[in-house]
């Protein structure tokens, strides 16, 4: 399943894992890996409803993994990731519930490993998404839904966690891309360019890397930066 996943055959990887779970529904390794595969497939879908058809089972598998082995990092991480992705397509009440799950799982991971890049990225994205809401929506959510995941947010926290993720796990395309997105949102173009170029220059390892690198190239092209002419990313499979 891991070999298929890293080869970009995410659906085949998930099929193998589902077969394993039919034989042993409590296989921790198969549960969190099934969540990982389903999250990736969901991200690749364009329509929100089609995304949810994958993200809902991804969240279910990760939740079961976290229940089978409470406190173990892989289960917590993929529950947090799937919760965060699903929250983007959820109604206000459910989105807040999912955001709180992201917050709780990320902090539980960091209590064990303060340099876990994935957990820092989770918190950075959570802060980014909450702060990207309109002031009115954010105020209403904080007023009527008393959750630490909403109260403890800021652009400074978003940048700190996204930058930390890119620093401690510098080989992850996603982390540099997410940091670039924050810089772009905040009007810090030079820093965004630097992170987009870093994302493009890295080898494509995970199934979503190609899509992220394509999006980074498109954004740079909008700014008049031709990465192909500059040879950025040449020879790395991106």
Protein backbone atom coordinates (compact mmCIF):
# COMPACT_ATOMS: atom_id res chain seq x y z
CA UNK A 1 0.00 0.00 0.00
CA UNK A 2 2.84 2.41 0.81
CA UNK A 3 4.61 1.64 -2.47
CA UNK A 4 1.42 2.24 -4.45
CA UNK A 5 0.73 5.47 -2.57
CA UNK A 6 4.22 6.87 -3.23
CA UNK A 7 3.96 5.79 -6.87
CA UNK A 8 0.85 7.93 -7.23
CA UNK A 9 -1.50 4.94 -7.40
CA UNK A 10 -3.60 6.22 -4.52
CA UNK A 11 -6.82 4.41 -5.42
CA UNK A 12 -5.05 1.08 -5.78
CA UNK A 13 -3.36 1.71 -2.43
CA UNK A 14 -6.75 2.31 -0.85
CA UNK A 15 -8.18 -0.85 -2.41
CA UNK A 16 -5.38 -2.89 -0.83
CA UNK A 17 -6.01 -1.26 2.53
CA UNK A 18 -9.77 -1.81 2.36
CA UNK A 19 -9.16 -5.48 1.66
CA UNK A 20 -6.92 -5.61 4.72
CA UNK A 21 -9.56 -3.90 6.85
CA UNK A 22 -12.18 -6.41 5.73
CA UNK A 23 -9.94 -9.08 7.25
CA UNK A 24 -9.07 -7.05 10.36
CA UNK A 25 -11.12 -3.90 10.98
CA UNK A 26 -8.85 -2.93 13.89
CA UNK A 27 -5.55 -2.92 11.98
CA UNK A 28 -4.11 0.41 13.13
CA UNK A 29 -1.61 0.73 10.29
CA UNK A 30 -4.24 0.00 7.66
CA UNK A 31 -6.70 2.44 9.25
CA UNK A 32 -4.48 5.52 9.21
CA UNK A 33 -3.08 4.65 5.78
CA UNK A 34 -6.61 4.28 4.41
CA UNK A 35 -7.38 7.73 5.82
CA UNK A 36 -4.27 9.14 4.16
CA UNK A 37 -5.19 7.69 0.77
CA UNK A 38 -8.81 8.84 0.97
CA UNK A 39 -7.78 12.38 1.93
CA UNK A 40 -5.53 12.59 -1.12
CA UNK A 41 -8.24 11.28 -3.44
CA UNK A 42 -10.70 13.75 -1.95
CA UNK A 43 -8.33 16.68 -2.47
CA UNK A 44 -8.05 15.79 -6.15
CA UNK A 45 -11.82 16.01 -6.70
CA UNK A 46 -13.20 19.36 -7.86
CA UNK A 47 -16.78 19.25 -6.54
CA UNK A 48 -17.34 19.62 -2.79
CA UNK A 49 -19.83 16.76 -2.63
CA UNK A 50 -17.44 14.46 -4.47
CA UNK A 51 -14.66 15.52 -2.11
CA UNK A 52 -16.83 14.67 0.89
CA UNK A 53 -17.48 11.19 -0.46
CA UNK A 54 -13.81 10.54 0.25
CA UNK A 55 -13.20 12.88 3.18
CA UNK A 56 -16.01 11.43 5.30
CA UNK A 57 -14.62 7.87 5.23
CA UNK A 58 -11.10 9.30 5.65
CA UNK A 59 -12.21 10.94 8.89
CA UNK A 60 -13.94 7.75 9.99
CA UNK A 61 -10.87 5.59 9.39
CA UNK A 62 -8.58 8.04 11.18
CA UNK A 63 -10.98 8.31 14.12
CA UNK A 64 -11.03 4.53 14.42
CA UNK A 65 -7.22 4.46 14.26
CA UNK A 66 -7.05 7.03 17.09
CA UNK A 67 -9.45 4.89 19.12
CA UNK A 68 -7.50 1.68 18.50
CA UNK A 69 -4.25 3.26 19.69
CA UNK A 70 -5.07 6.41 21.67
CA UNK A 71 -2.34 9.01 21.60
CA UNK A 72 -0.29 7.51 18.76
CA UNK A 73 0.83 10.17 16.34
CA UNK A 74 -0.18 8.76 12.94
CA UNK A 75 -3.80 8.30 14.00
CA UNK A 76 -3.94 11.77 15.54
CA UNK A 77 -2.28 13.35 12.54
CA UNK A 78 -4.55 11.91 9.89
CA UNK A 79 -7.63 12.56 12.01
CA UNK A 80 -6.52 16.19 12.22
CA UNK A 81 -5.75 16.41 8.51
CA UNK A 82 -9.05 14.83 7.44
CA UNK A 83 -10.95 17.02 9.92
CA UNK A 84 -9.32 20.14 8.54
CA UNK A 85 -10.06 19.23 4.94
CA UNK A 86 -13.65 18.26 5.72
CA UNK A 87 -14.20 21.50 7.65
CA UNK A 88 -13.67 23.50 4.46
CA UNK A 89 -16.86 21.94 3.02
CA UNK A 90 -18.93 21.93 6.23
CA UNK A 91 -21.68 24.11 7.61
CA UNK A 92 -20.76 26.56 10.40
CA UNK A 93 -21.53 24.35 13.41
CA UNK A 94 -19.88 21.22 12.04
CA UNK A 95 -16.92 23.23 10.73
CA UNK A 96 -16.26 24.60 14.23
CA UNK A 97 -16.46 21.08 15.68
CA UNK A 98 -13.96 19.83 13.10
CA UNK A 99 -11.68 22.83 13.66
CA UNK A 100 -11.59 22.01 17.35
CA UNK A 101 -10.58 18.44 16.46
CA UNK A 102 -7.69 19.81 14.39
CA UNK A 103 -6.64 22.04 17.28
CA UNK A 104 -6.80 19.21 19.83
CA UNK A 105 -4.98 16.66 17.68
CA UNK A 106 -2.21 19.08 16.69
CA UNK A 107 -1.55 20.05 20.30
CA UNK A 108 -1.62 16.39 21.38
CA UNK A 109 1.05 15.62 18.78
CA UNK A 110 3.21 18.60 19.71
CA UNK A 111 3.06 17.55 23.37
CA UNK A 112 4.93 14.42 22.26
CA UNK A 113 7.06 15.92 19.49
CA UNK A 114 7.46 19.70 19.51
CA UNK A 115 9.14 19.60 16.08
CA UNK A 116 6.46 17.60 14.27
CA UNK A 117 6.15 19.51 11.01
CA UNK A 118 2.74 18.05 10.20
CA UNK A 119 1.22 19.26 13.47
CA UNK A 120 2.67 22.74 12.99
CA UNK A 121 1.24 22.84 9.47
CA UNK A 122 -2.18 21.78 10.81
CA UNK A 123 -2.20 24.64 13.32
CA UNK A 124 -0.89 27.09 10.74
CA UNK A 125 -3.64 26.19 8.28
CA UNK A 126 -6.25 26.38 11.03
CA UNK A 127 -5.16 29.89 11.92
CA UNK A 128 -4.99 30.84 8.23
CA UNK A 129 -8.51 29.63 7.48
CA UNK A 130 -10.06 31.24 10.57
CA UNK A 131 -8.30 34.56 9.96
CA UNK A 132 -9.34 34.47 6.29
CA UNK A 133 -12.99 34.59 7.37
CA UNK A 134 -14.68 37.96 7.31
CA UNK A 135 -14.52 39.88 10.58
CA UNK A 136 -18.27 39.53 11.03
CA UNK A 137 -18.25 35.75 10.54
CA UNK A 138 -15.29 35.40 12.88
CA UNK A 139 -16.96 37.51 15.54
CA UNK A 140 -20.22 35.56 15.30
CA UNK A 141 -18.39 32.23 15.49
CA UNK A 142 -16.37 33.31 18.52
CA UNK A 143 -19.42 34.75 20.25
CA UNK A 144 -21.75 31.81 19.84
CA UNK A 145 -19.28 28.91 19.64
CA UNK A 146 -16.85 29.13 22.53
CA UNK A 147 -13.93 27.03 21.28
CA UNK A 148 -10.17 27.47 21.83
CA UNK A 149 -9.67 26.75 18.12
CA UNK A 150 -11.46 30.03 17.35
CA UNK A 151 -10.24 32.15 20.28
CA UNK A 152 -6.54 31.32 19.98
CA UNK A 153 -6.03 32.43 16.37
CA UNK A 154 -4.08 35.20 14.66
CA UNK A 155 -2.08 35.90 11.53
CA UNK A 156 1.06 35.79 13.69
CA UNK A 157 0.19 32.26 14.84
CA UNK A 158 -0.56 31.23 11.27
CA UNK A 159 2.83 32.43 10.08
CA UNK A 160 4.70 30.98 13.04
CA UNK A 161 3.31 27.47 12.60
CA UNK A 162 3.49 27.40 8.79
CA UNK A 163 7.06 28.72 8.84
CA UNK A 164 8.04 26.23 11.54
CA UNK A 165 6.59 23.35 9.51
CA UNK A 166 8.61 24.41 6.44
CA UNK A 167 11.73 24.79 8.56
CA UNK A 168 11.64 21.50 10.46
CA UNK A 169 10.41 19.38 7.52
CA UNK A 170 11.93 21.32 4.59
CA UNK A 171 11.48 18.47 2.09
CA UNK A 172 7.68 18.77 2.04
CA UNK A 173 6.30 20.57 -1.02
CA UNK A 174 3.00 21.21 0.76
CA UNK A 175 4.57 23.12 3.63
CA UNK A 176 6.43 25.57 1.38
CA UNK A 177 3.32 25.99 -0.77
CA UNK A 178 1.12 26.74 2.25
CA UNK A 179 3.62 29.27 3.58
CA UNK A 180 3.75 30.91 0.14
CA UNK A 181 -0.04 31.15 0.13
CA UNK A 182 0.04 32.97 3.47
CA UNK A 183 2.67 35.43 2.23
CA UNK A 184 0.60 36.05 -0.93
CA UNK A 185 -2.52 36.62 1.16
CA UNK A 186 -0.64 39.12 3.32
CA UNK A 187 0.78 41.01 0.34
CA UNK A 188 4.37 39.88 0.92
CA UNK A 189 5.18 39.00 -2.67
CA UNK A 190 8.96 38.55 -2.48
CA UNK A 191 8.66 36.03 0.36
CA UNK A 192 5.83 34.25 -1.46
CA UNK A 193 7.95 33.96 -4.60
CA UNK A 194 10.80 32.45 -2.63
CA UNK A 195 8.55 29.80 -1.08
CA UNK A 196 6.78 28.98 -4.36
CA UNK A 197 10.16 28.45 -6.02
CA UNK A 198 11.26 26.23 -3.15
CA UNK A 199 8.06 24.18 -3.57
CA UNK A 200 8.72 23.78 -7.29
CA UNK A 201 12.39 22.90 -6.79
CA UNK A 202 11.72 19.97 -4.46
CA UNK A 203 11.27 16.40 -5.73
CA UNK A 204 7.65 15.34 -6.14
CA UNK A 205 7.17 12.59 -3.56
CA UNK A 206 3.58 12.65 -2.38
CA UNK A 207 0.62 12.28 -4.77
CA UNK A 208 -0.51 15.88 -4.29
CA UNK A 209 2.92 17.37 -4.99
CA UNK A 210 2.46 17.63 -8.77
CA UNK A 211 -0.79 19.58 -8.38
CA UNK A 212 0.74 21.95 -5.82
CA UNK A 213 3.79 22.55 -8.00
CA UNK A 214 1.56 23.26 -11.00
CA UNK A 215 -0.44 25.78 -8.95
CA UNK A 216 2.80 27.40 -7.76
CA UNK A 217 4.00 27.76 -11.36
CA UNK A 218 0.66 29.28 -12.37
CA UNK A 219 0.83 31.85 -9.57
CA UNK A 220 4.40 32.78 -10.45
CA UNK A 221 3.40 33.08 -14.11
CA UNK A 222 0.69 35.58 -13.10
CA UNK A 223 3.50 37.65 -11.60
CA UNK A 224 5.54 37.38 -14.78
CA UNK A 225 8.02 34.83 -13.45
CA UNK A 226 8.80 32.07 -15.97
CA UNK A 227 10.14 29.17 -13.91
CA UNK A 228 10.65 26.98 -16.98
CA UNK A 229 12.92 29.53 -18.60
CA UNK A 230 14.84 29.84 -15.34
CA UNK A 231 15.21 26.05 -15.11
CA UNK A 232 13.47 25.88 -11.73
CA UNK A 233 12.54 22.32 -10.86
CA UNK A 234 14.26 20.85 -13.90
CA UNK A 235 15.13 17.18 -13.56
CA UNK A 236 13.24 16.52 -10.34
CA UNK A 237 10.17 14.93 -11.86
CA UNK A 238 7.87 17.89 -11.18
